[in-house]
Amino acid sequence: TESAAIRDGLVAAIFALFAVAAQALYSQSIVQTAWMIFALG
Protein backbone atom coordinates (compact mmCIF):
# COMPACT_ATOMS: atom_id res chain seq x y z
CA THR A 1 0.00 0.00 0.00
CA GLU A 2 3.04 2.30 0.18
CA SER A 3 5.20 0.78 -2.56
CA ALA A 4 5.18 3.73 -4.93
CA ALA A 5 8.87 4.08 -5.79
CA ILE A 6 11.53 1.64 -7.00
CA ARG A 7 13.08 1.58 -3.53
CA ASP A 8 9.75 0.57 -1.98
CA GLY A 9 9.36 -2.26 -4.46
CA LEU A 10 12.88 -3.47 -3.72
CA VAL A 11 12.17 -3.49 0.01
CA ALA A 12 8.98 -5.48 -0.60
CA ALA A 13 10.90 -8.02 -2.72
CA ILE A 14 13.52 -8.45 0.02
CA PHE A 15 10.76 -8.70 2.64
CA ALA A 16 9.16 -11.48 0.58
CA LEU A 17 12.33 -13.58 1.00
CA PHE A 18 11.47 -13.99 4.68
CA ALA A 19 8.07 -15.36 3.71
CA VAL A 20 9.82 -17.87 1.44
CA ALA A 21 12.15 -18.92 4.26
CA ALA A 22 9.19 -19.28 6.64
CA GLN A 23 7.81 -22.04 4.41
CA ALA A 24 10.58 -24.33 5.72
CA LEU A 25 9.12 -24.07 9.22
CA TYR A 26 6.24 -26.32 8.15
CA SER A 27 7.66 -28.57 5.44
CA GLN A 28 11.07 -29.48 4.03
CA SER A 29 9.89 -31.95 1.40
CA ILE A 30 11.42 -32.10 -2.07
CA VAL A 31 8.39 -30.40 -3.61
CA GLN A 32 8.43 -27.63 -1.00
CA THR A 33 12.17 -27.12 -1.42
CA ALA A 34 11.82 -26.91 -5.21
CA TRP A 35 9.06 -24.32 -4.80
CA MET A 36 11.21 -22.28 -2.43
CA ILE A 37 14.15 -22.33 -4.86
CA PHE A 38 11.87 -21.25 -7.71
CA ALA A 39 10.37 -18.43 -5.61
CA LEU A 40 13.85 -17.35 -4.53
CA GLY A 41 15.03 -17.25 -8.14
PDB file of all heavy atoms in Angstrom:
ATOM      1  N   THR A   1       0.814  -1.213   0.000  1.00  0.00           N
ATOM      2  CA  THR A   1       0.000   0.000   0.000  1.00  0.00           C
ATOM      3  C   THR A   1       0.849   1.265   0.000  1.00  0.00           C
ATOM      4  O   THR A   1       0.313   2.363  -0.195  1.00  0.00           O
ATOM      5  CB  THR A   1      -0.935   0.028   1.218  1.00  0.00           C
ATOM      6  OG1 THR A   1      -0.152   0.028   2.427  1.00  0.00           O
ATOM      7  CG2 THR A   1      -1.856  -1.193   1.223  1.00  0.00           C
ATOM      8  N   GLU A   2       2.160   1.137   0.232  1.00  0.00           N
ATOM      9  CA  GLU A   2       3.038   2.301   0.181  1.00  0.00           C
ATOM     10  C   GLU A   2       4.166   2.126  -0.823  1.00  0.00           C
ATOM     11  O   GLU A   2       5.082   2.942  -0.879  1.00  0.00           O
ATOM     12  CB  GLU A   2       3.623   2.585   1.567  1.00  0.00           C
ATOM     13  CG  GLU A   2       4.550   1.497   2.083  1.00  0.00           C
ATOM     14  CD  GLU A   2       5.272   1.904   3.362  1.00  0.00           C
ATOM     15  OE1 GLU A   2       5.026   3.025   3.838  1.00  0.00           O
ATOM     16  OE2 GLU A   2       6.067   1.098   3.873  1.00  0.00           O
ATOM     17  N   SER A   3       4.129   1.055  -1.596  1.00  0.00           N
ATOM     18  CA  SER A   3       5.201   0.781  -2.561  1.00  0.00           C
ATOM     19  C   SER A   3       4.967   1.585  -3.831  1.00  0.00           C
ATOM     20  O   SER A   3       4.437   1.075  -4.820  1.00  0.00           O
ATOM     21  CB  SER A   3       5.267  -0.717  -2.868  1.00  0.00           C
ATOM     22  OG  SER A   3       5.580  -1.451  -1.709  1.00  0.00           O
ATOM     23  N   ALA A   4       5.379   2.839  -3.790  1.00  0.00           N
ATOM     24  CA  ALA A   4       5.179   3.726  -4.930  1.00  0.00           C
ATOM     25  C   ALA A   4       6.446   3.903  -5.750  1.00  0.00           C
ATOM     26  O   ALA A   4       6.377   4.071  -6.964  1.00  0.00           O
ATOM     27  CB  ALA A   4       4.677   5.092  -4.452  1.00  0.00           C
ATOM     28  N   ALA A   5       7.610   3.856  -5.106  1.00  0.00           N
ATOM     29  CA  ALA A   5       8.871   4.082  -5.791  1.00  0.00           C
ATOM     30  C   ALA A   5       9.625   2.766  -5.973  1.00  0.00           C
ATOM     31  O   ALA A   5       9.256   1.728  -5.418  1.00  0.00           O
ATOM     32  CB  ALA A   5       9.728   5.078  -5.007  1.00  0.00           C
ATOM     33  N   ILE A   6      10.704   2.824  -6.754  1.00  0.00           N
ATOM     34  CA  ILE A   6      11.530   1.640  -6.997  1.00  0.00           C
ATOM     35  C   ILE A   6      12.093   1.101  -5.690  1.00  0.00           C
ATOM     36  O   ILE A   6      12.128  -0.116  -5.463  1.00  0.00           O
ATOM     37  CB  ILE A   6      12.676   1.989  -7.963  1.00  0.00           C
ATOM     38  CG1 ILE A   6      12.125   2.394  -9.333  1.00  0.00           C
ATOM     39  CG2 ILE A   6      13.632   0.818  -8.106  1.00  0.00           C
ATOM     40  CD1 ILE A   6      11.411   1.284 -10.050  1.00  0.00           C
ATOM     41  N   ARG A   7      12.520   1.998  -4.817  1.00  0.00           N
ATOM     42  CA  ARG A   7      13.083   1.576  -3.528  1.00  0.00           C
ATOM     43  C   ARG A   7      12.051   0.811  -2.719  1.00  0.00           C
ATOM     44  O   ARG A   7      12.371  -0.197  -2.070  1.00  0.00           O
ATOM     45  CB  ARG A   7      13.574   2.797  -2.756  1.00  0.00           C
ATOM     46  CG  ARG A   7      14.113   2.479  -1.373  1.00  0.00           C
ATOM     47  CD  ARG A   7      14.558   3.750  -0.659  1.00  0.00           C
ATOM     48  NE  ARG A   7      14.978   3.468   0.697  1.00  0.00           N
ATOM     49  CZ  ARG A   7      14.169   3.390   1.736  1.00  0.00           C
ATOM     50  NH1 ARG A   7      12.849   3.577   1.556  1.00  0.00           N
ATOM     51  NH2 ARG A   7      14.622   3.136   2.947  1.00  0.00           N
ATOM     52  N   ASP A   8      10.804   1.257  -2.718  1.00  0.00           N
ATOM     53  CA  ASP A   8       9.750   0.569  -1.978  1.00  0.00           C
ATOM     54  C   ASP A   8       9.525  -0.835  -2.539  1.00  0.00           C
ATOM     55  O   ASP A   8       9.330  -1.791  -1.792  1.00  0.00           O
ATOM     56  CB  ASP A   8       8.447   1.371  -2.046  1.00  0.00           C
ATOM     57  CG  ASP A   8       8.588   2.748  -1.433  1.00  0.00           C
ATOM     58  OD1 ASP A   8       9.275   2.866  -0.415  1.00  0.00           O
ATOM     59  OD2 ASP A   8       8.016   3.708  -1.983  1.00  0.00           O
ATOM     60  N   GLY A   9       9.524  -0.951  -3.866  1.00  0.00           N
ATOM     61  CA  GLY A   9       9.362  -2.258  -4.465  1.00  0.00           C
ATOM     62  C   GLY A   9      10.510  -3.190  -4.128  1.00  0.00           C
ATOM     63  O   GLY A   9      10.299  -4.388  -3.905  1.00  0.00           O
ATOM     64  N   LEU A  10      11.723  -2.652  -4.076  1.00  0.00           N
ATOM     65  CA  LEU A  10      12.880  -3.466  -3.724  1.00  0.00           C
ATOM     66  C   LEU A  10      12.783  -3.960  -2.289  1.00  0.00           C
ATOM     67  O   LEU A  10      13.086  -5.126  -1.992  1.00  0.00           O
ATOM     68  CB  LEU A  10      14.160  -2.655  -3.920  1.00  0.00           C
ATOM     69  CG  LEU A  10      15.481  -3.384  -3.666  1.00  0.00           C
ATOM     70  CD1 LEU A  10      15.624  -4.574  -4.613  1.00  0.00           C
ATOM     71  CD2 LEU A  10      16.657  -2.420  -3.833  1.00  0.00           C
ATOM     72  N   VAL A  11      12.351  -3.093  -1.382  1.00  0.00           N
ATOM     73  CA  VAL A  11      12.174  -3.494   0.014  1.00  0.00           C
ATOM     74  C   VAL A  11      11.117  -4.593   0.124  1.00  0.00           C
ATOM     75  O   VAL A  11      11.283  -5.575   0.868  1.00  0.00           O
ATOM     76  CB  VAL A  11      11.793  -2.280   0.880  1.00  0.00           C
ATOM     77  CG1 VAL A  11      11.391  -2.712   2.284  1.00  0.00           C
ATOM     78  CG2 VAL A  11      12.957  -1.296   0.955  1.00  0.00           C
ATOM     79  N   ALA A  12      10.031  -4.457  -0.620  1.00  0.00           N
ATOM     80  CA  ALA A  12       8.983  -5.484  -0.595  1.00  0.00           C
ATOM     81  C   ALA A  12       9.502  -6.816  -1.120  1.00  0.00           C
ATOM     82  O   ALA A  12       9.166  -7.882  -0.579  1.00  0.00           O
ATOM     83  CB  ALA A  12       7.781  -5.019  -1.417  1.00  0.00           C
ATOM     84  N   ALA A  13      10.333  -6.783  -2.177  1.00  0.00           N
ATOM     85  CA  ALA A  13      10.899  -8.020  -2.716  1.00  0.00           C
ATOM     86  C   ALA A  13      11.837  -8.687  -1.716  1.00  0.00           C
ATOM     87  O   ALA A  13      11.841  -9.917  -1.578  1.00  0.00           O
ATOM     88  CB  ALA A  13      11.636  -7.728  -4.024  1.00  0.00           C
ATOM     89  N   ILE A  14      12.635  -7.890  -1.006  1.00  0.00           N
ATOM     90  CA  ILE A  14      13.516  -8.453   0.022  1.00  0.00           C
ATOM     91  C   ILE A  14      12.698  -8.992   1.186  1.00  0.00           C
ATOM     92  O   ILE A  14      12.985 -10.065   1.739  1.00  0.00           O
ATOM     93  CB  ILE A  14      14.518  -7.376   0.492  1.00  0.00           C
ATOM     94  CG1 ILE A  14      15.433  -6.969  -0.664  1.00  0.00           C
ATOM     95  CG2 ILE A  14      15.338  -7.878   1.672  1.00  0.00           C
ATOM     96  CD1 ILE A  14      16.361  -5.815  -0.333  1.00  0.00           C
ATOM     97  N   PHE A  15      11.655  -8.273   1.571  1.00  0.00           N
ATOM     98  CA  PHE A  15      10.762  -8.699   2.639  1.00  0.00           C
ATOM     99  C   PHE A  15      10.126 -10.042   2.295  1.00  0.00           C
ATOM    100  O   PHE A  15       9.926 -10.902   3.163  1.00  0.00           O
ATOM    101  CB  PHE A  15       9.696  -7.627   2.849  1.00  0.00           C
ATOM    102  CG  PHE A  15       8.976  -7.711   4.167  1.00  0.00           C
ATOM    103  CD1 PHE A  15       9.290  -8.672   5.102  1.00  0.00           C
ATOM    104  CD2 PHE A  15       7.963  -6.806   4.464  1.00  0.00           C
ATOM    105  CE1 PHE A  15       8.622  -8.747   6.317  1.00  0.00           C
ATOM    106  CE2 PHE A  15       7.289  -6.873   5.667  1.00  0.00           C
ATOM    107  CZ  PHE A  15       7.615  -7.846   6.594  1.00  0.00           C
ATOM    108  N   ALA A  16       9.800 -10.243   1.018  1.00  0.00           N
ATOM    109  CA  ALA A  16       9.163 -11.484   0.585  1.00  0.00           C
ATOM    110  C   ALA A  16      10.079 -12.690   0.767  1.00  0.00           C
ATOM    111  O   ALA A  16       9.598 -13.824   0.908  1.00  0.00           O
ATOM    112  CB  ALA A  16       8.728 -11.367  -0.869  1.00  0.00           C
ATOM    113  N   LEU A  17      11.402 -12.471   0.785  1.00  0.00           N
ATOM    114  CA  LEU A  17      12.327 -13.580   0.995  1.00  0.00           C
ATOM    115  C   LEU A  17      12.124 -14.229   2.368  1.00  0.00           C
ATOM    116  O   LEU A  17      12.309 -15.439   2.526  1.00  0.00           O
ATOM    117  CB  LEU A  17      13.772 -13.088   0.856  1.00  0.00           C
ATOM    118  CG  LEU A  17      14.190 -12.594  -0.537  1.00  0.00           C
ATOM    119  CD1 LEU A  17      15.596 -12.027  -0.492  1.00  0.00           C
ATOM    120  CD2 LEU A  17      14.098 -13.716  -1.554  1.00  0.00           C
ATOM    121  N   PHE A  18      11.734 -13.434   3.358  1.00  0.00           N
ATOM    122  CA  PHE A  18      11.472 -13.994   4.683  1.00  0.00           C
ATOM    123  C   PHE A  18      10.233 -14.888   4.661  1.00  0.00           C
ATOM    124  O   PHE A  18      10.174 -15.898   5.366  1.00  0.00           O
ATOM    125  CB  PHE A  18      11.299 -12.865   5.699  1.00  0.00           C
ATOM    126  CG  PHE A  18      12.559 -12.105   5.993  1.00  0.00           C
ATOM    127  CD1 PHE A  18      12.878 -10.952   5.299  1.00  0.00           C
ATOM    128  CD2 PHE A  18      13.443 -12.556   6.958  1.00  0.00           C
ATOM    129  CE1 PHE A  18      14.039 -10.258   5.559  1.00  0.00           C
ATOM    130  CE2 PHE A  18      14.621 -11.867   7.237  1.00  0.00           C
ATOM    131  CZ  PHE A  18      14.912 -10.716   6.529  1.00  0.00           C
ATOM    132  N   ALA A  19       9.245 -14.510   3.842  1.00  0.00           N
ATOM    133  CA  ALA A  19       8.065 -15.362   3.705  1.00  0.00           C
ATOM    134  C   ALA A  19       8.416 -16.674   3.030  1.00  0.00           C
ATOM    135  O   ALA A  19       7.860 -17.728   3.360  1.00  0.00           O
ATOM    136  CB  ALA A  19       6.977 -14.626   2.919  1.00  0.00           C
ATOM    137  N   VAL A  20       9.348 -16.633   2.072  1.00  0.00           N
ATOM    138  CA  VAL A  20       9.818 -17.870   1.439  1.00  0.00           C
ATOM    139  C   VAL A  20      10.533 -18.742   2.457  1.00  0.00           C
ATOM    140  O   VAL A  20      10.293 -19.960   2.543  1.00  0.00           O
ATOM    141  CB  VAL A  20      10.743 -17.544   0.252  1.00  0.00           C
ATOM    142  CG1 VAL A  20      11.342 -18.825  -0.327  1.00  0.00           C
ATOM    143  CG2 VAL A  20       9.985 -16.795  -0.830  1.00  0.00           C
ATOM    144  N   ALA A  21      11.417 -18.145   3.251  1.00  0.00           N
ATOM    145  CA  ALA A  21      12.152 -18.917   4.262  1.00  0.00           C
ATOM    146  C   ALA A  21      11.214 -19.503   5.309  1.00  0.00           C
ATOM    147  O   ALA A  21      11.451 -20.606   5.819  1.00  0.00           O
ATOM    148  CB  ALA A  21      13.200 -18.026   4.931  1.00  0.00           C
ATOM    149  N   ALA A  22      10.130 -18.799   5.629  1.00  0.00           N
ATOM    150  CA  ALA A  22       9.185 -19.280   6.640  1.00  0.00           C
ATOM    151  C   ALA A  22       8.462 -20.541   6.184  1.00  0.00           C
ATOM    152  O   ALA A  22       7.924 -21.280   7.021  1.00  0.00           O
ATOM    153  CB  ALA A  22       8.167 -18.190   6.973  1.00  0.00           C
ATOM    154  N   GLN A  23       8.448 -20.819   4.882  1.00  0.00           N
ATOM    155  CA  GLN A  23       7.813 -22.043   4.408  1.00  0.00           C
ATOM    156  C   GLN A  23       8.514 -23.286   4.941  1.00  0.00           C
ATOM    157  O   GLN A  23       7.889 -24.336   5.130  1.00  0.00           O
ATOM    158  CB  GLN A  23       7.803 -22.062   2.875  1.00  0.00           C
ATOM    159  CG  GLN A  23       7.009 -20.935   2.241  1.00  0.00           C
ATOM    160  CD  GLN A  23       7.164 -20.897   0.735  1.00  0.00           C
ATOM    161  OE1 GLN A  23       7.575 -21.878   0.118  1.00  0.00           O
ATOM    162  NE2 GLN A  23       6.840 -19.762   0.126  1.00  0.00           N
ATOM    163  N   ALA A  24       9.824 -23.182   5.207  1.00  0.00           N
ATOM    164  CA  ALA A  24      10.584 -24.327   5.716  1.00  0.00           C
ATOM    165  C   ALA A  24      10.224 -24.666   7.157  1.00  0.00           C
ATOM    166  O   ALA A  24      10.591 -25.739   7.638  1.00  0.00           O
ATOM    167  CB  ALA A  24      12.082 -24.043   5.606  1.00  0.00           C
ATOM    168  N   LEU A  25       9.538 -23.766   7.852  1.00  0.00           N
ATOM    169  CA  LEU A  25       9.121 -24.071   9.216  1.00  0.00           C
ATOM    170  C   LEU A  25       8.077 -25.181   9.266  1.00  0.00           C
ATOM    171  O   LEU A  25       7.930 -25.863  10.277  1.00  0.00           O
ATOM    172  CB  LEU A  25       8.556 -22.814   9.884  1.00  0.00           C
ATOM    173  CG  LEU A  25       9.531 -21.652  10.100  1.00  0.00           C
ATOM    174  CD1 LEU A  25       8.783 -20.439  10.631  1.00  0.00           C
ATOM    175  CD2 LEU A  25      10.638 -22.057  11.062  1.00  0.00           C
ATOM    176  N   TYR A  26       7.341 -25.368   8.166  1.00  0.00           N
ATOM    177  CA  TYR A  26       6.245 -26.323   8.145  1.00  0.00           C
ATOM    178  C   TYR A  26       6.553 -27.566   7.319  1.00  0.00           C
ATOM    179  O   TYR A  26       6.033 -28.642   7.607  1.00  0.00           O
ATOM    180  CB  TYR A  26       4.984 -25.651   7.587  1.00  0.00           C
ATOM    181  CG  TYR A  26       4.541 -24.458   8.389  1.00  0.00           C
ATOM    182  CD1 TYR A  26       4.811 -23.162   7.969  1.00  0.00           C
ATOM    183  CD2 TYR A  26       3.866 -24.617   9.591  1.00  0.00           C
ATOM    184  CE1 TYR A  26       4.416 -22.069   8.707  1.00  0.00           C
ATOM    185  CE2 TYR A  26       3.475 -23.524  10.346  1.00  0.00           C
ATOM    186  CZ  TYR A  26       3.747 -22.250   9.890  1.00  0.00           C
ATOM    187  OH  TYR A  26       3.358 -21.168  10.636  1.00  0.00           O
ATOM    188  N   SER A  27       7.373 -27.427   6.301  1.00  0.00           N
ATOM    189  CA  SER A  27       7.662 -28.574   5.443  1.00  0.00           C
ATOM    190  C   SER A  27       9.019 -28.389   4.790  1.00  0.00           C
ATOM    191  O   SER A  27       9.378 -27.271   4.396  1.00  0.00           O
ATOM    192  CB  SER A  27       6.586 -28.731   4.363  1.00  0.00           C
ATOM    193  OG  SER A  27       6.931 -29.755   3.448  1.00  0.00           O
ATOM    194  N   GLN A  28       9.779 -29.488   4.697  1.00  0.00           N
ATOM    195  CA  GLN A  28      11.066 -29.485   4.026  1.00  0.00           C
ATOM    196  C   GLN A  28      11.118 -30.606   2.996  1.00  0.00           C
ATOM    197  O   GLN A  28      12.172 -31.180   2.735  1.00  0.00           O
ATOM    198  CB  GLN A  28      12.198 -29.620   5.045  1.00  0.00           C
ATOM    199  CG  GLN A  28      12.238 -28.493   6.061  1.00  0.00           C
ATOM    200  CD  GLN A  28      13.319 -28.676   7.115  1.00  0.00           C
ATOM    201  OE1 GLN A  28      14.225 -29.484   6.945  1.00  0.00           O
ATOM    202  NE2 GLN A  28      13.208 -27.937   8.210  1.00  0.00           N
ATOM    203  N   SER A  29       9.969 -30.900   2.410  1.00  0.00           N
ATOM    204  CA  SER A  29       9.893 -31.946   1.399  1.00  0.00           C
ATOM    205  C   SER A  29      10.578 -31.489   0.116  1.00  0.00           C
ATOM    206  O   SER A  29      10.911 -30.306  -0.051  1.00  0.00           O
ATOM    207  CB  SER A  29       8.438 -32.299   1.107  1.00  0.00           C
ATOM    208  OG  SER A  29       7.761 -31.186   0.543  1.00  0.00           O
ATOM    209  N   ILE A  30      10.765 -32.429  -0.808  1.00  0.00           N
ATOM    210  CA  ILE A  30      11.423 -32.100  -2.072  1.00  0.00           C
ATOM    211  C   ILE A  30      10.580 -31.098  -2.863  1.00  0.00           C
ATOM    212  O   ILE A  30      11.105 -30.134  -3.441  1.00  0.00           O
ATOM    213  CB  ILE A  30      11.654 -33.389  -2.886  1.00  0.00           C
ATOM    214  CG1 ILE A  30      12.639 -34.305  -2.147  1.00  0.00           C
ATOM    215  CG2 ILE A  30      12.188 -33.051  -4.277  1.00  0.00           C
ATOM    216  CD1 ILE A  30      12.894 -35.617  -2.847  1.00  0.00           C
ATOM    217  N   VAL A  31       9.267 -31.306  -2.880  1.00  0.00           N
ATOM    218  CA  VAL A  31       8.390 -30.397  -3.613  1.00  0.00           C
ATOM    219  C   VAL A  31       8.437 -28.997  -3.001  1.00  0.00           C
ATOM    220  O   VAL A  31       8.532 -27.991  -3.714  1.00  0.00           O
ATOM    221  CB  VAL A  31       6.949 -30.934  -3.635  1.00  0.00           C
ATOM    222  CG1 VAL A  31       6.007 -29.931  -4.288  1.00  0.00           C
ATOM    223  CG2 VAL A  31       6.892 -32.274  -4.355  1.00  0.00           C
ATOM    224  N   GLN A  32       8.387 -28.934  -1.673  1.00  0.00           N
ATOM    225  CA  GLN A  32       8.432 -27.633  -0.999  1.00  0.00           C
ATOM    226  C   GLN A  32       9.756 -26.934  -1.247  1.00  0.00           C
ATOM    227  O   GLN A  32       9.808 -25.729  -1.493  1.00  0.00           O
ATOM    228  CB  GLN A  32       8.201 -27.821   0.494  1.00  0.00           C
ATOM    229  CG  GLN A  32       8.183 -26.531   1.303  1.00  0.00           C
ATOM    230  CD  GLN A  32       6.979 -25.672   0.983  1.00  0.00           C
ATOM    231  OE1 GLN A  32       5.853 -26.076   1.204  1.00  0.00           O
ATOM    232  NE2 GLN A  32       7.209 -24.493   0.438  1.00  0.00           N
ATOM    233  N   THR A  33      10.853 -27.693  -1.180  1.00  0.00           N
ATOM    234  CA  THR A  33      12.169 -27.115  -1.419  1.00  0.00           C
ATOM    235  C   THR A  33      12.296 -26.592  -2.839  1.00  0.00           C
ATOM    236  O   THR A  33      12.849 -25.509  -3.073  1.00  0.00           O
ATOM    237  CB  THR A  33      13.262 -28.156  -1.138  1.00  0.00           C
ATOM    238  OG1 THR A  33      13.140 -28.632   0.216  1.00  0.00           O
ATOM    239  CG2 THR A  33      14.641 -27.560  -1.328  1.00  0.00           C
ATOM    240  N   ALA A  34      11.783 -27.363  -3.807  1.00  0.00           N
ATOM    241  CA  ALA A  34      11.823 -26.912  -5.207  1.00  0.00           C
ATOM    242  C   ALA A  34      11.025 -25.620  -5.389  1.00  0.00           C
ATOM    243  O   ALA A  34      11.446 -24.711  -6.114  1.00  0.00           O
ATOM    244  CB  ALA A  34      11.287 -28.013  -6.119  1.00  0.00           C
ATOM    245  N   TRP A  35       9.868 -25.548  -4.720  1.00  0.00           N
ATOM    246  CA  TRP A  35       9.059 -24.321  -4.802  1.00  0.00           C
ATOM    247  C   TRP A  35       9.801 -23.134  -4.202  1.00  0.00           C
ATOM    248  O   TRP A  35       9.773 -22.025  -4.763  1.00  0.00           O
ATOM    249  CB  TRP A  35       7.732 -24.543  -4.078  1.00  0.00           C
ATOM    250  CG  TRP A  35       6.828 -23.340  -4.104  1.00  0.00           C
ATOM    251  CD1 TRP A  35       6.816 -22.297  -3.212  1.00  0.00           C
ATOM    252  CD2 TRP A  35       5.836 -23.029  -5.076  1.00  0.00           C
ATOM    253  NE1 TRP A  35       5.868 -21.369  -3.557  1.00  0.00           N
ATOM    254  CE2 TRP A  35       5.250 -21.795  -4.704  1.00  0.00           C
ATOM    255  CE3 TRP A  35       5.367 -23.681  -6.228  1.00  0.00           C
ATOM    256  CZ2 TRP A  35       4.231 -21.201  -5.435  1.00  0.00           C
ATOM    257  CZ3 TRP A  35       4.351 -23.083  -6.959  1.00  0.00           C
ATOM    258  CH2 TRP A  35       3.796 -21.857  -6.556  1.00  0.00           C
ATOM    259  N   MET A  36      10.464 -23.351  -3.069  1.00  0.00           N
ATOM    260  CA  MET A  36      11.206 -22.277  -2.425  1.00  0.00           C
ATOM    261  C   MET A  36      12.346 -21.790  -3.314  1.00  0.00           C
ATOM    262  O   MET A  36      12.603 -20.584  -3.406  1.00  0.00           O
ATOM    263  CB  MET A  36      11.735 -22.747  -1.075  1.00  0.00           C
ATOM    264  CG  MET A  36      10.656 -23.009  -0.034  1.00  0.00           C
ATOM    265  SD  MET A  36      11.312 -23.769   1.473  1.00  0.00           S
ATOM    266  CE  MET A  36      12.452 -22.505   2.029  1.00  0.00           C
ATOM    267  N   ILE A  37      13.058 -22.721  -3.969  1.00  0.00           N
ATOM    268  CA  ILE A  37      14.148 -22.328  -4.862  1.00  0.00           C
ATOM    269  C   ILE A  37      13.610 -21.530  -6.046  1.00  0.00           C
ATOM    270  O   ILE A  37      14.194 -20.516  -6.452  1.00  0.00           O
ATOM    271  CB  ILE A  37      14.914 -23.574  -5.336  1.00  0.00           C
ATOM    272  CG1 ILE A  37      15.634 -24.230  -4.147  1.00  0.00           C
ATOM    273  CG2 ILE A  37      15.921 -23.211  -6.419  1.00  0.00           C
ATOM    274  CD1 ILE A  37      16.306 -25.547  -4.489  1.00  0.00           C
ATOM    275  N   PHE A  38      12.475 -21.969  -6.596  1.00  0.00           N
ATOM    276  CA  PHE A  38      11.873 -21.248  -7.707  1.00  0.00           C
ATOM    277  C   PHE A  38      11.449 -19.843  -7.276  1.00  0.00           C
ATOM    278  O   PHE A  38      11.702 -18.858  -7.991  1.00  0.00           O
ATOM    279  CB  PHE A  38      10.667 -22.027  -8.232  1.00  0.00           C
ATOM    280  CG  PHE A  38       9.925 -21.324  -9.334  1.00  0.00           C
ATOM    281  CD1 PHE A  38      10.441 -21.265 -10.617  1.00  0.00           C
ATOM    282  CD2 PHE A  38       8.715 -20.699  -9.078  1.00  0.00           C
ATOM    283  CE1 PHE A  38       9.763 -20.608 -11.634  1.00  0.00           C
ATOM    284  CE2 PHE A  38       8.023 -20.038 -10.087  1.00  0.00           C
ATOM    285  CZ  PHE A  38       8.554 -19.992 -11.367  1.00  0.00           C
ATOM    286  N   ALA A  39      10.790 -19.739  -6.102  1.00  0.00           N
ATOM    287  CA  ALA A  39      10.369 -18.428  -5.606  1.00  0.00           C
ATOM    288  C   ALA A  39      11.572 -17.540  -5.328  1.00  0.00           C
ATOM    289  O   ALA A  39      11.544 -16.332  -5.620  1.00  0.00           O
ATOM    290  CB  ALA A  39       9.527 -18.603  -4.334  1.00  0.00           C
ATOM    291  N   LEU A  40      12.637 -18.123  -4.784  1.00  0.00           N
ATOM    292  CA  LEU A  40      13.853 -17.352  -4.531  1.00  0.00           C
ATOM    293  C   LEU A  40      14.443 -16.834  -5.833  1.00  0.00           C
ATOM    294  O   LEU A  40      14.829 -15.660  -5.926  1.00  0.00           O
ATOM    295  CB  LEU A  40      14.869 -18.233  -3.801  1.00  0.00           C
ATOM    296  CG  LEU A  40      16.264 -17.635  -3.582  1.00  0.00           C
ATOM    297  CD1 LEU A  40      16.193 -16.383  -2.729  1.00  0.00           C
ATOM    298  CD2 LEU A  40      17.188 -18.671  -2.935  1.00  0.00           C
ATOM    299  N   GLY A  41      14.501 -17.686  -6.850  1.00  0.00           N
ATOM    300  CA  GLY A  41      15.031 -17.247  -8.137  1.00  0.00           C
ATOM    301  C   GLY A  41      14.195 -16.147  -8.760  1.00  0.00           C
ATOM    302  O   GLY A  41      14.733 -15.191  -9.339  1.00  0.00           O
TER     303      GLY A  41
END
